[in-house]
Amino acid sequence: MAKVTVRVLNAIVDGKRHGEQLDIEEKSAAYLSSIGYVEVIKDAETKQRNTKGHASKKKSQEKGQKKEVGE
């Protein structure tokens, strides 16, 4: 199983209090999230960063190619 980063809501999970972050197994994160103890934060942020990173690389490569052709 993969580890997932979660933020503790209004509970104490593995000794962590409200607002603290911890890495737990994906299955545990799903259960704790379903009962409202934690909020999964790592998955959404990672996916957004990857898509933004790829788009930025493509734009910078295109700009670099246009300059080389024009010179």
N, C-alpha and C. Protein backbone atom coordinates (compact mmCIF):
# COMPACT_ATOMS: atom_id res chain seq x y z
N MET A 1 0.83 -1.19 0.00
CA MET A 1 0.00 0.00 0.00
C MET A 1 0.88 1.25 0.00
N ALA A 2 0.33 2.30 -0.56
CA ALA A 2 1.05 3.56 -0.66
C ALA A 2 0.74 4.44 0.56
N LYS A 3 1.69 5.25 0.91
CA LYS A 3 1.50 6.21 1.99
C LYS A 3 0.83 7.46 1.44
N VAL A 4 -0.03 8.05 2.26
CA VAL A 4 -0.76 9.26 1.89
C VAL A 4 -0.59 10.27 3.01
N THR A 5 -0.43 11.53 2.66
CA THR A 5 -0.35 12.58 3.66
C THR A 5 -1.74 13.10 3.96
N VAL A 6 -2.07 13.19 5.25
CA VAL A 6 -3.38 13.67 5.68
C VAL A 6 -3.23 14.77 6.71
N ARG A 7 -4.27 15.59 6.84
CA ARG A 7 -4.32 16.64 7.86
C ARG A 7 -5.41 16.26 8.85
N VAL A 8 -5.07 16.28 10.13
CA VAL A 8 -6.03 15.91 11.18
C VAL A 8 -7.04 17.04 11.37
N LEU A 9 -8.31 16.67 11.43
CA LEU A 9 -9.37 17.66 11.63
C LEU A 9 -9.67 17.77 13.12
N ASN A 10 -10.84 17.49 13.59
CA ASN A 10 -11.20 17.62 15.00
C ASN A 10 -11.08 16.29 15.71
N ALA A 11 -9.87 15.77 15.81
CA ALA A 11 -9.63 14.48 16.46
C ALA A 11 -8.15 14.38 16.83
N ILE A 12 -7.80 13.29 17.46
CA ILE A 12 -6.40 12.97 17.71
C ILE A 12 -6.13 11.64 17.02
N VAL A 13 -5.20 11.65 16.06
CA VAL A 13 -4.89 10.46 15.28
C VAL A 13 -3.40 10.19 15.42
N ASP A 14 -3.04 9.01 15.93
CA ASP A 14 -1.64 8.64 16.14
C ASP A 14 -0.87 9.70 16.92
N GLY A 15 -1.51 10.31 17.89
CA GLY A 15 -0.86 11.31 18.73
C GLY A 15 -0.78 12.69 18.11
N LYS A 16 -1.32 12.87 16.92
CA LYS A 16 -1.31 14.17 16.24
C LYS A 16 -2.63 14.86 16.52
N ARG A 17 -2.57 16.16 16.76
CA ARG A 17 -3.75 16.95 17.09
C ARG A 17 -4.28 17.71 15.88
N HIS A 18 -5.29 18.51 16.08
CA HIS A 18 -5.96 19.29 15.04
C HIS A 18 -4.95 20.11 14.22
N GLY A 19 -5.02 19.97 12.89
CA GLY A 19 -4.18 20.76 12.00
C GLY A 19 -2.84 20.15 11.66
N GLU A 20 -2.39 19.15 12.40
CA GLU A 20 -1.10 18.53 12.12
C GLU A 20 -1.23 17.56 10.95
N GLN A 21 -0.09 17.31 10.30
CA GLN A 21 -0.07 16.41 9.15
C GLN A 21 0.71 15.15 9.49
N LEU A 22 0.29 14.03 8.88
CA LEU A 22 1.02 12.79 9.07
C LEU A 22 0.84 11.91 7.85
N ASP A 23 1.75 10.96 7.67
CA ASP A 23 1.69 9.99 6.58
C ASP A 23 1.15 8.68 7.11
N ILE A 24 0.08 8.19 6.49
CA ILE A 24 -0.52 6.92 6.88
C ILE A 24 -0.84 6.12 5.62
N GLU A 25 -1.18 4.86 5.81
CA GLU A 25 -1.53 4.00 4.69
C GLU A 25 -2.80 4.50 4.00
N GLU A 26 -2.90 4.24 2.73
CA GLU A 26 -4.03 4.71 1.93
C GLU A 26 -5.37 4.16 2.45
N LYS A 27 -5.39 2.90 2.87
CA LYS A 27 -6.62 2.29 3.37
C LYS A 27 -7.07 2.97 4.67
N SER A 28 -6.13 3.23 5.57
CA SER A 28 -6.46 3.91 6.83
C SER A 28 -6.93 5.33 6.57
N ALA A 29 -6.28 6.00 5.62
CA ALA A 29 -6.66 7.37 5.29
C ALA A 29 -8.09 7.42 4.75
N ALA A 30 -8.45 6.45 3.93
CA ALA A 30 -9.80 6.41 3.38
C ALA A 30 -10.83 6.22 4.48
N TYR A 31 -10.54 5.33 5.43
CA TYR A 31 -11.48 5.10 6.54
C TYR A 31 -11.60 6.33 7.43
N LEU A 32 -10.47 6.89 7.84
CA LEU A 32 -10.50 8.05 8.73
C LEU A 32 -11.16 9.25 8.06
N SER A 33 -10.97 9.37 6.76
CA SER A 33 -11.61 10.45 6.01
C SER A 33 -13.13 10.24 5.96
N SER A 34 -13.56 9.00 5.81
CA SER A 34 -15.00 8.71 5.72
C SER A 34 -15.73 9.03 7.02
N ILE A 35 -15.03 8.93 8.16
CA ILE A 35 -15.68 9.24 9.44
C ILE A 35 -15.38 10.67 9.90
N GLY A 36 -14.66 11.43 9.04
CA GLY A 36 -14.47 12.85 9.32
C GLY A 36 -13.32 13.19 10.25
N TYR A 37 -12.38 12.29 10.45
CA TYR A 37 -11.26 12.56 11.35
C TYR A 37 -10.09 13.24 10.63
N VAL A 38 -9.90 12.95 9.35
CA VAL A 38 -8.77 13.52 8.61
C VAL A 38 -9.23 14.01 7.24
N GLU A 39 -8.37 14.79 6.61
CA GLU A 39 -8.58 15.26 5.25
C GLU A 39 -7.34 14.87 4.45
N VAL A 40 -7.52 14.15 3.35
CA VAL A 40 -6.40 13.74 2.51
C VAL A 40 -5.92 14.95 1.74
N ILE A 41 -4.63 15.27 1.83
CA ILE A 41 -4.13 16.47 1.16
C ILE A 41 -3.06 16.17 0.12
N LYS A 42 -2.34 15.11 0.25
CA LYS A 42 -1.21 14.86 -0.63
C LYS A 42 -1.61 14.49 -2.04
N ASP A 43 -2.63 13.67 -2.26
CA ASP A 43 -2.99 13.19 -3.58
C ASP A 43 -3.36 14.34 -4.52
N ALA A 44 -4.23 15.20 -4.10
CA ALA A 44 -4.71 16.29 -4.95
C ALA A 44 -3.58 17.24 -5.31
N GLU A 45 -2.75 17.61 -4.35
CA GLU A 45 -1.66 18.53 -4.62
C GLU A 45 -0.64 17.92 -5.57
N THR A 46 -0.32 16.67 -5.41
CA THR A 46 0.66 16.02 -6.27
C THR A 46 0.18 15.97 -7.70
N LYS A 47 -1.07 15.63 -7.93
CA LYS A 47 -1.60 15.56 -9.29
C LYS A 47 -1.59 16.93 -9.94
N GLN A 48 -1.95 17.99 -9.21
CA GLN A 48 -1.96 19.33 -9.76
C GLN A 48 -0.55 19.79 -10.11
N ARG A 49 0.40 19.51 -9.27
CA ARG A 49 1.79 19.92 -9.54
C ARG A 49 2.33 19.23 -10.78
N ASN A 50 2.03 17.94 -10.96
CA ASN A 50 2.54 17.20 -12.11
C ASN A 50 1.98 17.77 -13.41
N THR A 51 0.71 18.08 -13.46
CA THR A 51 0.15 18.61 -14.70
C THR A 51 0.68 20.00 -14.98
N LYS A 52 0.83 20.83 -13.97
CA LYS A 52 1.37 22.17 -14.18
C LYS A 52 2.83 22.09 -14.62
N GLY A 53 3.58 21.18 -14.04
CA GLY A 53 4.99 21.05 -14.38
C GLY A 53 5.20 20.64 -15.82
N HIS A 54 4.38 19.73 -16.32
CA HIS A 54 4.52 19.28 -17.70
C HIS A 54 4.18 20.40 -18.66
N ALA A 55 3.16 21.16 -18.37
CA ALA A 55 2.76 22.26 -19.24
C ALA A 55 3.85 23.33 -19.28
N SER A 56 4.45 23.61 -18.15
CA SER A 56 5.50 24.62 -18.09
C SER A 56 6.71 24.18 -18.90
N LYS A 57 7.05 22.91 -18.81
CA LYS A 57 8.19 22.41 -19.57
C LYS A 57 7.94 22.52 -21.06
N LYS A 58 6.73 22.19 -21.50
CA LYS A 58 6.40 22.26 -22.91
C LYS A 58 6.48 23.70 -23.41
N LYS A 59 5.96 24.63 -22.64
CA LYS A 59 6.00 26.04 -23.04
C LYS A 59 7.42 26.54 -23.15
N SER A 60 8.26 26.19 -22.18
CA SER A 60 9.64 26.66 -22.22
C SER A 60 10.40 26.03 -23.37
N GLN A 61 10.09 24.78 -23.69
CA GLN A 61 10.75 24.12 -24.82
C GLN A 61 10.32 24.77 -26.13
N GLU A 62 9.03 25.08 -26.25
CA GLU A 62 8.54 25.71 -27.46
C GLU A 62 9.18 27.07 -27.65
N LYS A 63 9.29 27.85 -26.59
CA LYS A 63 9.91 29.15 -26.67
C LYS A 63 11.37 29.03 -27.11
N GLY A 64 12.06 28.06 -26.54
CA GLY A 64 13.46 27.86 -26.88
C GLY A 64 13.61 27.43 -28.33
N GLN A 65 12.73 26.60 -28.84
CA GLN A 65 12.81 26.15 -30.22
C GLN A 65 12.52 27.29 -31.17
N LYS A 66 11.59 28.15 -30.86
CA LYS A 66 11.26 29.27 -31.73
C LYS A 66 12.45 30.22 -31.84
N LYS A 67 13.14 30.46 -30.75
CA LYS A 67 14.30 31.36 -30.78
C LYS A 67 15.40 30.77 -31.63
N GLU A 68 15.61 29.47 -31.53
CA GLU A 68 16.68 28.85 -32.30
C GLU A 68 16.37 28.90 -33.79
N VAL A 69 15.13 28.71 -34.17
CA VAL A 69 14.74 28.74 -35.58
C VAL A 69 14.86 30.14 -36.13
N GLY A 70 14.46 31.14 -35.35
CA GLY A 70 14.47 32.52 -35.80
C GLY A 70 15.85 33.12 -35.92
N GLU A 71 16.83 32.57 -35.25
CA GLU A 71 18.17 33.18 -35.26
C GLU A 71 18.95 32.84 -36.45
